[in-house]
Amino acid sequence: MTIRRDEWAVLWVTLAYVAGFGAWFLATGNHEFIWYILTLAAMIVLIGANLRRAEFPPGLLWALSLWGLAHMAGGGVRVGETVLYSATLLPLIDAGEMTLLKYDQVVHAYGFGITAWLLWHLMRRNYPDTRQGWTVHVYPALGAMGLGTVNEIIEFIAVLAIADTNVGGYVNTALDLVFNAIGASLAMCLLFLRDRPR
């Protein structure tokens, strides 16, 4: 398989931060995020195996890599007594687990917005007849929300398998799903506005 120079750049940057954070997580005994590194590694392999079939645009590959970096930083960068994932970026609501707006929520919105973009790209490429209809914007948003649910299942498995995770409870899971939906919907709205006939 041919890998273009811009794709190699994304791969090397991604592997560098995965290796760095992986070493940090092992050194600090953060077993929860070792699980996430394995999941991220599986995603790298999946995207790499489909590079030529899917012809992902470079911007999308960099956006996916940035999502991975934001995720690793969320679990590895300390902020006071906790990690970046628990940090409040904008104190809109502060009611225990019902806290807005947290780093975790922004990463969920961003990540599943990028996921919707990826699904939109695949749909346009593989089903060109959908380009003029509403399905090319609605289905990727719904698909990204579904993949967000898979992410919550992975987090649930981590809670069952690893002691002392920082995943959160029911309200946190519900907020994650809400922010996944916000990110996916916003991404599709932006693409719709960009692509609509003038």
N, C-alpha and C. Protein backbone atom coordinates (compact mmCIF):
# COMPACT_ATOMS: atom_id res chain seq x y z
N MET A 1 0.84 -1.18 0.00
CA MET A 1 0.00 0.00 0.00
C MET A 1 0.89 1.24 0.00
N THR A 2 0.52 2.19 -0.83
CA THR A 2 1.26 3.45 -0.90
C THR A 2 0.75 4.41 0.17
N ILE A 3 1.69 4.96 0.93
CA ILE A 3 1.34 5.97 1.92
C ILE A 3 2.01 7.27 1.50
N ARG A 4 1.20 8.31 1.36
CA ARG A 4 1.72 9.60 0.91
C ARG A 4 2.49 10.30 2.02
N ARG A 5 3.31 11.27 1.63
CA ARG A 5 4.15 11.98 2.59
C ARG A 5 3.31 12.64 3.68
N ASP A 6 2.19 13.28 3.33
CA ASP A 6 1.37 13.95 4.33
C ASP A 6 0.74 12.93 5.29
N GLU A 7 0.46 11.73 4.79
CA GLU A 7 -0.09 10.69 5.66
C GLU A 7 0.97 10.14 6.62
N TRP A 8 2.21 10.02 6.13
CA TRP A 8 3.31 9.61 7.02
C TRP A 8 3.48 10.62 8.14
N ALA A 9 3.36 11.90 7.83
CA ALA A 9 3.52 12.93 8.85
C ALA A 9 2.50 12.76 9.97
N VAL A 10 1.24 12.53 9.59
CA VAL A 10 0.19 12.32 10.60
C VAL A 10 0.50 11.07 11.42
N LEU A 11 0.91 10.00 10.75
CA LEU A 11 1.20 8.75 11.45
C LEU A 11 2.32 8.92 12.46
N TRP A 12 3.44 9.58 12.06
CA TRP A 12 4.58 9.72 12.96
C TRP A 12 4.24 10.59 14.16
N VAL A 13 3.49 11.67 13.93
CA VAL A 13 3.08 12.52 15.05
C VAL A 13 2.19 11.73 16.01
N THR A 14 1.25 10.96 15.43
CA THR A 14 0.33 10.19 16.26
C THR A 14 1.07 9.12 17.05
N LEU A 15 1.96 8.39 16.39
CA LEU A 15 2.73 7.35 17.09
C LEU A 15 3.62 7.95 18.18
N ALA A 16 4.15 9.16 17.93
CA ALA A 16 5.01 9.79 18.92
C ALA A 16 4.24 10.12 20.20
N TYR A 17 3.05 10.70 20.06
CA TYR A 17 2.34 11.03 21.30
C TYR A 17 1.74 9.79 21.96
N VAL A 18 1.37 8.78 21.18
CA VAL A 18 0.88 7.53 21.78
C VAL A 18 2.00 6.87 22.57
N ALA A 19 3.21 6.83 22.01
CA ALA A 19 4.34 6.24 22.72
C ALA A 19 4.67 7.03 23.98
N GLY A 20 4.67 8.36 23.87
CA GLY A 20 4.99 9.19 25.03
C GLY A 20 3.98 9.03 26.15
N PHE A 21 2.70 9.14 25.81
CA PHE A 21 1.68 8.98 26.84
C PHE A 21 1.61 7.54 27.34
N GLY A 22 1.85 6.57 26.45
CA GLY A 22 1.86 5.17 26.88
C GLY A 22 2.92 4.92 27.93
N ALA A 23 4.11 5.47 27.70
CA ALA A 23 5.19 5.32 28.68
C ALA A 23 4.82 6.01 30.00
N TRP A 24 4.19 7.19 29.90
CA TRP A 24 3.77 7.91 31.10
C TRP A 24 2.72 7.14 31.88
N PHE A 25 1.73 6.57 31.16
CA PHE A 25 0.67 5.82 31.83
C PHE A 25 1.23 4.58 32.53
N LEU A 26 2.17 3.90 31.88
CA LEU A 26 2.79 2.74 32.50
C LEU A 26 3.59 3.13 33.73
N ALA A 27 4.34 4.23 33.61
CA ALA A 27 5.17 4.67 34.73
C ALA A 27 4.33 5.10 35.93
N THR A 28 3.16 5.66 35.68
CA THR A 28 2.31 6.14 36.77
C THR A 28 1.25 5.13 37.19
N GLY A 29 1.23 3.96 36.53
CA GLY A 29 0.26 2.93 36.88
C GLY A 29 -1.16 3.26 36.48
N ASN A 30 -1.33 4.09 35.44
CA ASN A 30 -2.66 4.47 34.96
C ASN A 30 -3.16 3.41 33.99
N HIS A 31 -3.71 2.33 34.54
CA HIS A 31 -4.12 1.20 33.70
C HIS A 31 -5.37 1.51 32.88
N GLU A 32 -6.18 2.45 33.35
CA GLU A 32 -7.39 2.82 32.59
C GLU A 32 -7.01 3.32 31.21
N PHE A 33 -6.00 4.18 31.12
CA PHE A 33 -5.66 4.75 29.84
C PHE A 33 -4.81 3.83 28.98
N ILE A 34 -4.22 2.80 29.57
CA ILE A 34 -3.59 1.77 28.74
C ILE A 34 -4.67 1.11 27.89
N TRP A 35 -5.84 0.90 28.47
CA TRP A 35 -6.99 0.34 27.73
C TRP A 35 -7.34 1.25 26.55
N TYR A 36 -7.34 2.55 26.79
CA TYR A 36 -7.67 3.50 25.72
C TYR A 36 -6.60 3.55 24.65
N ILE A 37 -5.34 3.37 25.05
CA ILE A 37 -4.26 3.33 24.04
C ILE A 37 -4.45 2.13 23.11
N LEU A 38 -4.86 1.00 23.68
CA LEU A 38 -5.12 -0.17 22.83
C LEU A 38 -6.27 0.11 21.86
N THR A 39 -7.29 0.80 22.34
CA THR A 39 -8.41 1.16 21.46
C THR A 39 -7.93 2.12 20.37
N LEU A 40 -7.11 3.11 20.74
CA LEU A 40 -6.58 4.06 19.77
C LEU A 40 -5.69 3.35 18.75
N ALA A 41 -4.89 2.40 19.20
CA ALA A 41 -4.04 1.64 18.29
C ALA A 41 -4.89 0.87 17.27
N ALA A 42 -6.00 0.31 17.72
CA ALA A 42 -6.90 -0.41 16.81
C ALA A 42 -7.47 0.55 15.76
N MET A 43 -7.79 1.78 16.18
CA MET A 43 -8.33 2.77 15.24
C MET A 43 -7.27 3.18 14.22
N ILE A 44 -6.01 3.32 14.68
CA ILE A 44 -4.93 3.67 13.75
C ILE A 44 -4.79 2.59 12.68
N VAL A 45 -4.83 1.33 13.11
CA VAL A 45 -4.72 0.22 12.16
C VAL A 45 -5.90 0.22 11.19
N LEU A 46 -7.10 0.44 11.70
CA LEU A 46 -8.30 0.45 10.86
C LEU A 46 -8.24 1.55 9.81
N ILE A 47 -7.85 2.74 10.22
CA ILE A 47 -7.76 3.86 9.27
C ILE A 47 -6.62 3.60 8.28
N GLY A 48 -5.48 3.13 8.79
CA GLY A 48 -4.35 2.84 7.91
C GLY A 48 -4.66 1.79 6.87
N ALA A 49 -5.41 0.77 7.25
CA ALA A 49 -5.76 -0.30 6.31
C ALA A 49 -6.70 0.18 5.22
N ASN A 50 -7.37 1.31 5.45
CA ASN A 50 -8.34 1.81 4.48
C ASN A 50 -7.93 3.12 3.81
N LEU A 51 -6.65 3.49 3.94
CA LEU A 51 -6.20 4.77 3.39
C LEU A 51 -6.49 4.91 1.90
N ARG A 52 -6.12 3.92 1.12
CA ARG A 52 -6.28 4.06 -0.33
C ARG A 52 -7.72 3.83 -0.75
N ARG A 53 -8.42 2.99 -0.06
CA ARG A 53 -9.82 2.75 -0.41
C ARG A 53 -10.68 3.97 -0.09
N ALA A 54 -10.39 4.61 1.04
CA ALA A 54 -11.22 5.72 1.49
C ALA A 54 -10.70 7.09 1.04
N GLU A 55 -9.38 7.20 0.80
CA GLU A 55 -8.77 8.47 0.42
C GLU A 55 -9.21 9.60 1.35
N PHE A 56 -8.92 9.41 2.65
CA PHE A 56 -9.26 10.43 3.63
C PHE A 56 -8.50 11.72 3.31
N PRO A 57 -9.15 12.87 3.36
CA PRO A 57 -8.42 14.12 3.14
C PRO A 57 -7.43 14.36 4.28
N PRO A 58 -6.31 15.01 4.00
CA PRO A 58 -5.30 15.25 5.04
C PRO A 58 -5.88 15.97 6.27
N GLY A 59 -6.75 16.94 6.04
CA GLY A 59 -7.35 17.67 7.16
C GLY A 59 -8.10 16.77 8.11
N LEU A 60 -8.78 15.78 7.56
CA LEU A 60 -9.52 14.83 8.39
C LEU A 60 -8.56 13.96 9.19
N LEU A 61 -7.48 13.52 8.57
CA LEU A 61 -6.50 12.70 9.29
C LEU A 61 -5.87 13.49 10.45
N TRP A 62 -5.54 14.76 10.20
CA TRP A 62 -4.97 15.58 11.27
C TRP A 62 -6.01 15.82 12.36
N ALA A 63 -7.26 16.01 11.99
CA ALA A 63 -8.32 16.21 12.99
C ALA A 63 -8.50 14.97 13.85
N LEU A 64 -8.41 13.79 13.24
CA LEU A 64 -8.50 12.54 14.01
C LEU A 64 -7.31 12.40 14.95
N SER A 65 -6.12 12.76 14.47
CA SER A 65 -4.93 12.68 15.31
C SER A 65 -5.04 13.65 16.49
N LEU A 66 -5.55 14.85 16.23
CA LEU A 66 -5.73 15.83 17.30
C LEU A 66 -6.71 15.31 18.35
N TRP A 67 -7.75 14.62 17.91
CA TRP A 67 -8.71 14.02 18.84
C TRP A 67 -8.00 13.01 19.75
N GLY A 68 -7.17 12.16 19.14
CA GLY A 68 -6.41 11.19 19.93
C GLY A 68 -5.51 11.87 20.94
N LEU A 69 -4.84 12.94 20.51
CA LEU A 69 -3.95 13.68 21.41
C LEU A 69 -4.75 14.32 22.55
N ALA A 70 -5.90 14.91 22.23
CA ALA A 70 -6.74 15.52 23.26
C ALA A 70 -7.20 14.47 24.28
N HIS A 71 -7.47 13.27 23.78
CA HIS A 71 -7.90 12.19 24.65
C HIS A 71 -6.77 11.74 25.57
N MET A 72 -5.58 11.56 25.00
CA MET A 72 -4.43 11.14 25.82
C MET A 72 -4.08 12.22 26.85
N ALA A 73 -4.10 13.47 26.43
CA ALA A 73 -3.80 14.57 27.36
C ALA A 73 -4.85 14.63 28.46
N GLY A 74 -6.09 14.34 28.13
CA GLY A 74 -7.16 14.37 29.11
C GLY A 74 -6.91 13.43 30.28
N GLY A 75 -6.30 12.30 30.00
CA GLY A 75 -6.02 11.33 31.06
C GLY A 75 -4.63 11.43 31.63
N GLY A 76 -3.71 12.14 30.95
CA GLY A 76 -2.32 12.15 31.38
C GLY A 76 -1.81 13.45 31.95
N VAL A 77 -2.49 14.55 31.66
CA VAL A 77 -2.02 15.86 32.15
C VAL A 77 -2.73 16.18 33.47
N ARG A 78 -1.94 16.41 34.50
CA ARG A 78 -2.50 16.72 35.82
C ARG A 78 -2.92 18.18 35.89
N VAL A 79 -4.06 18.41 36.50
CA VAL A 79 -4.55 19.76 36.78
C VAL A 79 -4.94 19.78 38.25
N GLY A 80 -4.08 20.33 39.08
CA GLY A 80 -4.32 20.31 40.51
C GLY A 80 -4.32 18.89 41.04
N GLU A 81 -5.42 18.51 41.69
CA GLU A 81 -5.54 17.18 42.28
C GLU A 81 -6.13 16.15 41.32
N THR A 82 -6.45 16.56 40.12
CA THR A 82 -7.12 15.66 39.18
C THR A 82 -6.44 15.72 37.82
N VAL A 83 -7.09 15.19 36.80
CA VAL A 83 -6.55 15.22 35.44
C VAL A 83 -7.36 16.20 34.59
N LEU A 84 -6.81 16.52 33.44
CA LEU A 84 -7.42 17.49 32.53
C LEU A 84 -8.87 17.14 32.20
N TYR A 85 -9.17 15.85 32.07
CA TYR A 85 -10.53 15.44 31.74
C TYR A 85 -11.56 15.96 32.74
N SER A 86 -11.18 16.10 33.97
CA SER A 86 -12.11 16.56 35.01
C SER A 86 -12.12 18.07 35.17
N ALA A 87 -11.25 18.77 34.45
CA ALA A 87 -11.13 20.22 34.60
C ALA A 87 -12.35 20.93 34.01
N THR A 88 -12.82 21.94 34.73
CA THR A 88 -13.90 22.79 34.24
C THR A 88 -13.29 23.94 33.44
N LEU A 89 -13.70 24.05 32.18
CA LEU A 89 -13.18 25.11 31.31
C LEU A 89 -13.99 26.40 31.45
N LEU A 90 -15.29 26.25 31.64
CA LEU A 90 -16.19 27.39 31.74
C LEU A 90 -17.27 27.04 32.76
N PRO A 91 -17.26 27.69 33.92
CA PRO A 91 -18.20 27.29 34.99
C PRO A 91 -19.63 27.78 34.74
N LEU A 92 -20.34 27.09 33.86
CA LEU A 92 -21.73 27.43 33.56
C LEU A 92 -22.68 26.85 34.61
N ILE A 93 -22.46 25.59 34.96
CA ILE A 93 -23.25 24.90 35.99
C ILE A 93 -22.26 24.12 36.84
N ASP A 94 -22.39 24.21 38.15
CA ASP A 94 -21.50 23.46 39.05
C ASP A 94 -22.36 22.76 40.09
N ALA A 95 -22.81 21.55 39.74
CA ALA A 95 -23.68 20.78 40.62
C ALA A 95 -23.21 19.33 40.66
N GLY A 96 -22.02 19.11 41.22
CA GLY A 96 -21.48 17.75 41.30
C GLY A 96 -21.16 17.20 39.92
N GLU A 97 -21.75 16.06 39.62
CA GLU A 97 -21.50 15.45 38.31
C GLU A 97 -22.13 16.24 37.17
N MET A 98 -23.15 17.03 37.50
CA MET A 98 -23.81 17.88 36.50
C MET A 98 -23.06 19.21 36.42
N THR A 99 -21.82 19.14 35.92
CA THR A 99 -20.97 20.33 35.80
C THR A 99 -20.75 20.63 34.33
N LEU A 100 -20.94 21.88 33.98
CA LEU A 100 -20.69 22.36 32.61
C LEU A 100 -19.82 23.61 32.71
N LEU A 101 -18.88 23.78 31.90
CA LEU A 101 -18.47 23.05 30.73
C LEU A 101 -17.10 22.48 31.02
N LYS A 102 -16.95 21.18 30.89
CA LYS A 102 -15.71 20.50 31.23
C LYS A 102 -14.92 20.15 29.96
N TYR A 103 -13.62 19.98 30.15
CA TYR A 103 -12.74 19.55 29.07
C TYR A 103 -13.27 18.28 28.41
N ASP A 104 -13.70 17.34 29.22
CA ASP A 104 -14.23 16.06 28.73
C ASP A 104 -15.38 16.28 27.75
N GLN A 105 -16.27 17.19 28.07
CA GLN A 105 -17.43 17.45 27.22
C GLN A 105 -17.03 18.08 25.89
N VAL A 106 -16.05 18.98 25.94
CA VAL A 106 -15.57 19.60 24.71
C VAL A 106 -14.91 18.54 23.81
N VAL A 107 -14.13 17.64 24.41
CA VAL A 107 -13.47 16.58 23.63
C VAL A 107 -14.51 15.64 23.03
N HIS A 108 -15.57 15.34 23.77
CA HIS A 108 -16.64 14.50 23.22
C HIS A 108 -17.30 15.18 22.02
N ALA A 109 -17.62 16.45 22.16
CA ALA A 109 -18.26 17.17 21.04
C ALA A 109 -17.34 17.23 19.83
N TYR A 110 -16.08 17.57 20.07
CA TYR A 110 -15.11 17.64 18.97
C TYR A 110 -14.93 16.27 18.31
N GLY A 111 -14.70 15.26 19.13
CA GLY A 111 -14.39 13.92 18.60
C GLY A 111 -15.50 13.34 17.77
N PHE A 112 -16.73 13.49 18.23
CA PHE A 112 -17.82 12.89 17.46
C PHE A 112 -18.33 13.80 16.36
N GLY A 113 -17.92 15.07 16.41
CA GLY A 113 -18.06 15.92 15.23
C GLY A 113 -17.12 15.44 14.12
N ILE A 114 -15.89 15.12 14.50
CA ILE A 114 -14.91 14.60 13.53
C ILE A 114 -15.36 13.23 13.02
N THR A 115 -15.94 12.43 13.90
CA THR A 115 -16.46 11.12 13.47
C THR A 115 -17.56 11.30 12.43
N ALA A 116 -18.44 12.26 12.65
CA ALA A 116 -19.50 12.53 11.67
C ALA A 116 -18.90 12.97 10.35
N TRP A 117 -17.86 13.79 10.40
CA TRP A 117 -17.17 14.23 9.19
C TRP A 117 -16.59 13.02 8.45
N LEU A 118 -15.96 12.12 9.18
CA LEU A 118 -15.40 10.92 8.57
C LEU A 118 -16.50 10.09 7.89
N LEU A 119 -17.62 9.89 8.60
CA LEU A 119 -18.72 9.11 8.01
C LEU A 119 -19.32 9.82 6.81
N TRP A 120 -19.41 11.15 6.87
CA TRP A 120 -19.90 11.95 5.74
C TRP A 120 -18.99 11.74 4.52
N HIS A 121 -17.67 11.80 4.77
CA HIS A 121 -16.71 11.59 3.68
C HIS A 121 -16.89 10.21 3.05
N LEU A 122 -17.00 9.17 3.89
CA LEU A 122 -17.18 7.81 3.36
C LEU A 122 -18.49 7.66 2.60
N MET A 123 -19.53 8.29 3.10
CA MET A 123 -20.83 8.18 2.44
C MET A 123 -20.80 8.86 1.06
N ARG A 124 -20.23 10.05 1.01
CA ARG A 124 -20.13 10.76 -0.28
C ARG A 124 -19.26 10.00 -1.27
N ARG A 125 -18.21 9.38 -0.76
CA ARG A 125 -17.29 8.67 -1.66
C ARG A 125 -17.90 7.37 -2.17
N ASN A 126 -18.55 6.62 -1.29
CA ASN A 126 -19.06 5.30 -1.66
C ASN A 126 -20.49 5.31 -2.19
N TYR A 127 -21.24 6.35 -1.85
CA TYR A 127 -22.62 6.45 -2.31
C TYR A 127 -22.86 7.85 -2.89
N PRO A 128 -22.26 8.12 -4.05
CA PRO A 128 -22.33 9.48 -4.60
C PRO A 128 -23.75 9.96 -4.90
N ASP A 129 -24.68 9.04 -5.06
CA ASP A 129 -26.06 9.46 -5.33
C ASP A 129 -26.68 10.18 -4.14
N THR A 130 -26.10 10.03 -2.95
CA THR A 130 -26.67 10.68 -1.76
C THR A 130 -26.22 12.14 -1.62
N ARG A 131 -25.31 12.59 -2.47
CA ARG A 131 -24.71 13.91 -2.28
C ARG A 131 -25.72 15.05 -2.33
N GLN A 132 -26.77 14.90 -3.08
CA GLN A 132 -27.74 15.98 -3.22
C GLN A 132 -28.91 15.89 -2.25
N GLY A 133 -29.00 14.82 -1.49
CA GLY A 133 -30.14 14.65 -0.59
C GLY A 133 -29.79 14.97 0.85
N TRP A 134 -30.76 14.80 1.71
CA TRP A 134 -30.58 15.07 3.13
C TRP A 134 -29.84 13.95 3.86
N THR A 135 -29.85 12.74 3.28
CA THR A 135 -29.25 11.60 3.98
C THR A 135 -27.75 11.77 4.20
N VAL A 136 -27.07 12.49 3.30
CA VAL A 136 -25.62 12.63 3.42
C VAL A 136 -25.23 13.47 4.64
N HIS A 137 -26.18 14.19 5.20
CA HIS A 137 -25.90 14.95 6.42
C HIS A 137 -26.54 14.32 7.66
N VAL A 138 -27.68 13.69 7.50
CA VAL A 138 -28.38 13.12 8.66
C VAL A 138 -27.76 11.80 9.09
N TYR A 139 -27.50 10.90 8.14
CA TYR A 139 -26.98 9.58 8.50
C TYR A 139 -25.61 9.64 9.18
N PRO A 140 -24.67 10.46 8.70
CA PRO A 140 -23.39 10.54 9.41
C PRO A 140 -23.54 11.05 10.85
N ALA A 141 -24.45 12.00 11.07
CA ALA A 141 -24.67 12.48 12.43
C ALA A 141 -25.20 11.35 13.31
N LEU A 142 -26.18 10.61 12.80
CA LEU A 142 -26.73 9.49 13.57
C LEU A 142 -25.68 8.39 13.78
N GLY A 143 -24.89 8.12 12.74
CA GLY A 143 -23.84 7.11 12.85
C GLY A 143 -22.80 7.49 13.89
N ALA A 144 -22.43 8.79 13.92
CA ALA A 144 -21.46 9.25 14.92
C ALA A 144 -22.03 9.11 16.33
N MET A 145 -23.32 9.40 16.48
CA MET A 145 -23.94 9.22 17.80
C MET A 145 -23.92 7.74 18.21
N GLY A 146 -24.14 6.86 17.25
CA GLY A 146 -24.07 5.42 17.53
C GLY A 146 -22.68 5.00 17.94
N LEU A 147 -21.66 5.52 17.25
CA LEU A 147 -20.29 5.20 17.63
C LEU A 147 -19.93 5.80 18.98
N GLY A 148 -20.55 6.93 19.31
CA GLY A 148 -20.39 7.50 20.64
C GLY A 148 -20.91 6.56 21.72
N THR A 149 -21.99 5.87 21.40
CA THR A 149 -22.53 4.88 22.33
C THR A 149 -21.54 3.72 22.50
N VAL A 150 -20.90 3.31 21.41
CA VAL A 150 -19.87 2.27 21.50
C VAL A 150 -18.75 2.73 22.42
N ASN A 151 -18.38 4.00 22.32
CA ASN A 151 -17.36 4.55 23.21
C ASN A 151 -17.77 4.44 24.67
N GLU A 152 -19.04 4.70 24.96
CA GLU A 152 -19.52 4.58 26.34
C GLU A 152 -19.51 3.12 26.81
N ILE A 153 -19.75 2.20 25.90
CA ILE A 153 -19.66 0.77 26.25
C ILE A 153 -18.22 0.41 26.60
N ILE A 154 -17.26 0.96 25.83
CA ILE A 154 -15.84 0.72 26.12
C ILE A 154 -15.49 1.27 27.49
N GLU A 155 -16.01 2.47 27.80
CA GLU A 155 -15.77 3.04 29.13
C GLU A 155 -16.39 2.18 30.23
N PHE A 156 -17.57 1.63 29.95
CA PHE A 156 -18.23 0.76 30.93
C PHE A 156 -17.40 -0.50 31.18
N ILE A 157 -16.84 -1.07 30.12
CA ILE A 157 -15.97 -2.24 30.27
C ILE A 157 -14.75 -1.88 31.12
N ALA A 158 -14.21 -0.66 30.89
CA ALA A 158 -13.06 -0.22 31.70
C ALA A 158 -13.45 -0.12 33.17
N VAL A 159 -14.66 0.38 33.45
CA VAL A 159 -15.13 0.48 34.84
C VAL A 159 -15.21 -0.90 35.48
N LEU A 160 -15.69 -1.89 34.71
CA LEU A 160 -15.82 -3.24 35.24
C LEU A 160 -14.48 -3.93 35.42
N ALA A 161 -13.54 -3.62 34.53
CA ALA A 161 -12.27 -4.36 34.52
C ALA A 161 -11.17 -3.72 35.36
N ILE A 162 -11.26 -2.40 35.59
CA ILE A 162 -10.15 -1.68 36.22
C ILE A 162 -10.68 -0.94 37.44
N ALA A 163 -9.98 -1.08 38.55
CA ALA A 163 -10.39 -0.36 39.77
C ALA A 163 -10.02 1.11 39.66
N ASP A 164 -10.83 1.96 40.27
CA ASP A 164 -10.54 3.40 40.39
C ASP A 164 -10.39 4.10 39.04
N THR A 165 -11.38 3.92 38.18
CA THR A 165 -11.36 4.67 36.93
C THR A 165 -11.91 6.07 37.19
N ASN A 166 -11.68 6.96 36.24
CA ASN A 166 -12.17 8.33 36.36
C ASN A 166 -13.30 8.57 35.36
N VAL A 167 -14.07 7.52 35.07
CA VAL A 167 -15.09 7.59 34.02
C VAL A 167 -16.30 8.40 34.46
N GLY A 168 -16.75 8.26 35.68
CA GLY A 168 -17.93 8.97 36.13
C GLY A 168 -19.15 8.06 36.15
N GLY A 169 -20.27 8.61 36.60
CA GLY A 169 -21.49 7.83 36.75
C GLY A 169 -22.51 8.07 35.65
N TYR A 170 -23.76 7.86 36.01
CA TYR A 170 -24.85 7.93 35.04
C TYR A 170 -24.96 9.31 34.40
N VAL A 171 -24.90 10.36 35.20
CA VAL A 171 -25.04 11.71 34.67
C VAL A 171 -23.89 12.01 33.71
N ASN A 172 -22.69 11.59 34.06
CA ASN A 172 -21.54 11.79 33.17
C ASN A 172 -21.76 11.09 31.83
N THR A 173 -22.25 9.84 31.88
CA THR A 173 -22.52 9.11 30.64
C THR A 173 -23.56 9.83 29.80
N ALA A 174 -24.63 10.30 30.44
CA ALA A 174 -25.67 11.01 29.71
C ALA A 174 -25.12 12.30 29.09
N LEU A 175 -24.31 13.03 29.84
CA LEU A 175 -23.71 14.26 29.29
C LEU A 175 -22.78 13.95 28.13
N ASP A 176 -22.02 12.87 28.24
CA ASP A 176 -21.15 12.45 27.13
C ASP A 176 -21.99 12.24 25.87
N LEU A 177 -23.11 11.54 26.00
CA LEU A 177 -23.96 11.26 24.84
C LEU A 177 -24.56 12.55 24.27
N VAL A 178 -24.93 13.47 25.16
CA VAL A 178 -25.47 14.76 24.70
C VAL A 178 -24.41 15.53 23.92
N PHE A 179 -23.19 15.58 24.44
CA PHE A 179 -22.14 16.33 23.75
C PHE A 179 -21.69 15.62 22.47
N ASN A 180 -21.76 14.29 22.44
CA ASN A 180 -21.52 13.57 21.18
C ASN A 180 -22.52 14.04 20.13
N ALA A 181 -23.79 14.12 20.53
CA ALA A 181 -24.85 14.52 19.60
C ALA A 181 -24.67 15.97 19.16
N ILE A 182 -24.28 16.84 20.08
CA ILE A 182 -24.05 18.25 19.73
C ILE A 182 -22.93 18.36 18.71
N GLY A 183 -21.82 17.67 18.96
CA GLY A 183 -20.69 17.73 18.04
C GLY A 183 -21.02 17.17 16.67
N ALA A 184 -21.68 16.01 16.63
CA ALA A 184 -22.04 15.39 15.34
C ALA A 184 -23.01 16.27 14.57
N SER A 185 -24.00 16.82 15.25
CA SER A 185 -25.00 17.66 14.58
C SER A 185 -24.37 18.96 14.08
N LEU A 186 -23.52 19.56 14.90
CA LEU A 186 -22.87 20.80 14.50
C LEU A 186 -21.97 20.59 13.28
N ALA A 187 -21.23 19.48 13.27
CA ALA A 187 -20.36 19.19 12.13
C ALA A 187 -21.17 19.07 10.85
N MET A 188 -22.30 18.37 10.92
CA MET A 188 -23.12 18.20 9.71
C MET A 188 -23.80 19.51 9.30
N CYS A 189 -24.16 20.34 10.26
CA CYS A 189 -24.73 21.65 9.91
C CYS A 189 -23.69 22.50 9.19
N LEU A 190 -22.45 22.48 9.68
CA LEU A 190 -21.39 23.26 9.05
C LEU A 190 -21.10 22.76 7.63
N LEU A 191 -21.08 21.45 7.44
CA LEU A 191 -20.85 20.91 6.10
C LEU A 191 -22.03 21.22 5.18
N PHE A 192 -23.24 21.17 5.71
CA PHE A 192 -24.42 21.52 4.92
C PHE A 192 -24.34 22.97 4.47
N LEU A 193 -24.00 23.87 5.38
CA LEU A 193 -23.91 25.28 5.03
C LEU A 193 -22.79 25.53 4.03
N ARG A 194 -21.69 24.80 4.16
CA ARG A 194 -20.58 24.96 3.23
C ARG A 194 -20.93 24.50 1.84
N ASP A 195 -21.69 23.40 1.75
CA ASP A 195 -21.93 22.74 0.46
C ASP A 195 -23.24 23.13 -0.21
N ARG A 196 -24.11 23.87 0.47
CA ARG A 196 -25.42 24.17 -0.14
C ARG A 196 -25.22 25.05 -1.36
N PRO A 197 -26.11 24.90 -2.35
CA PRO A 197 -26.00 25.73 -3.57
C PRO A 197 -26.12 27.22 -3.22
N ARG A 198 -25.31 28.03 -3.87
CA ARG A 198 -25.35 29.47 -3.62
C ARG A 198 -26.51 30.10 -4.39
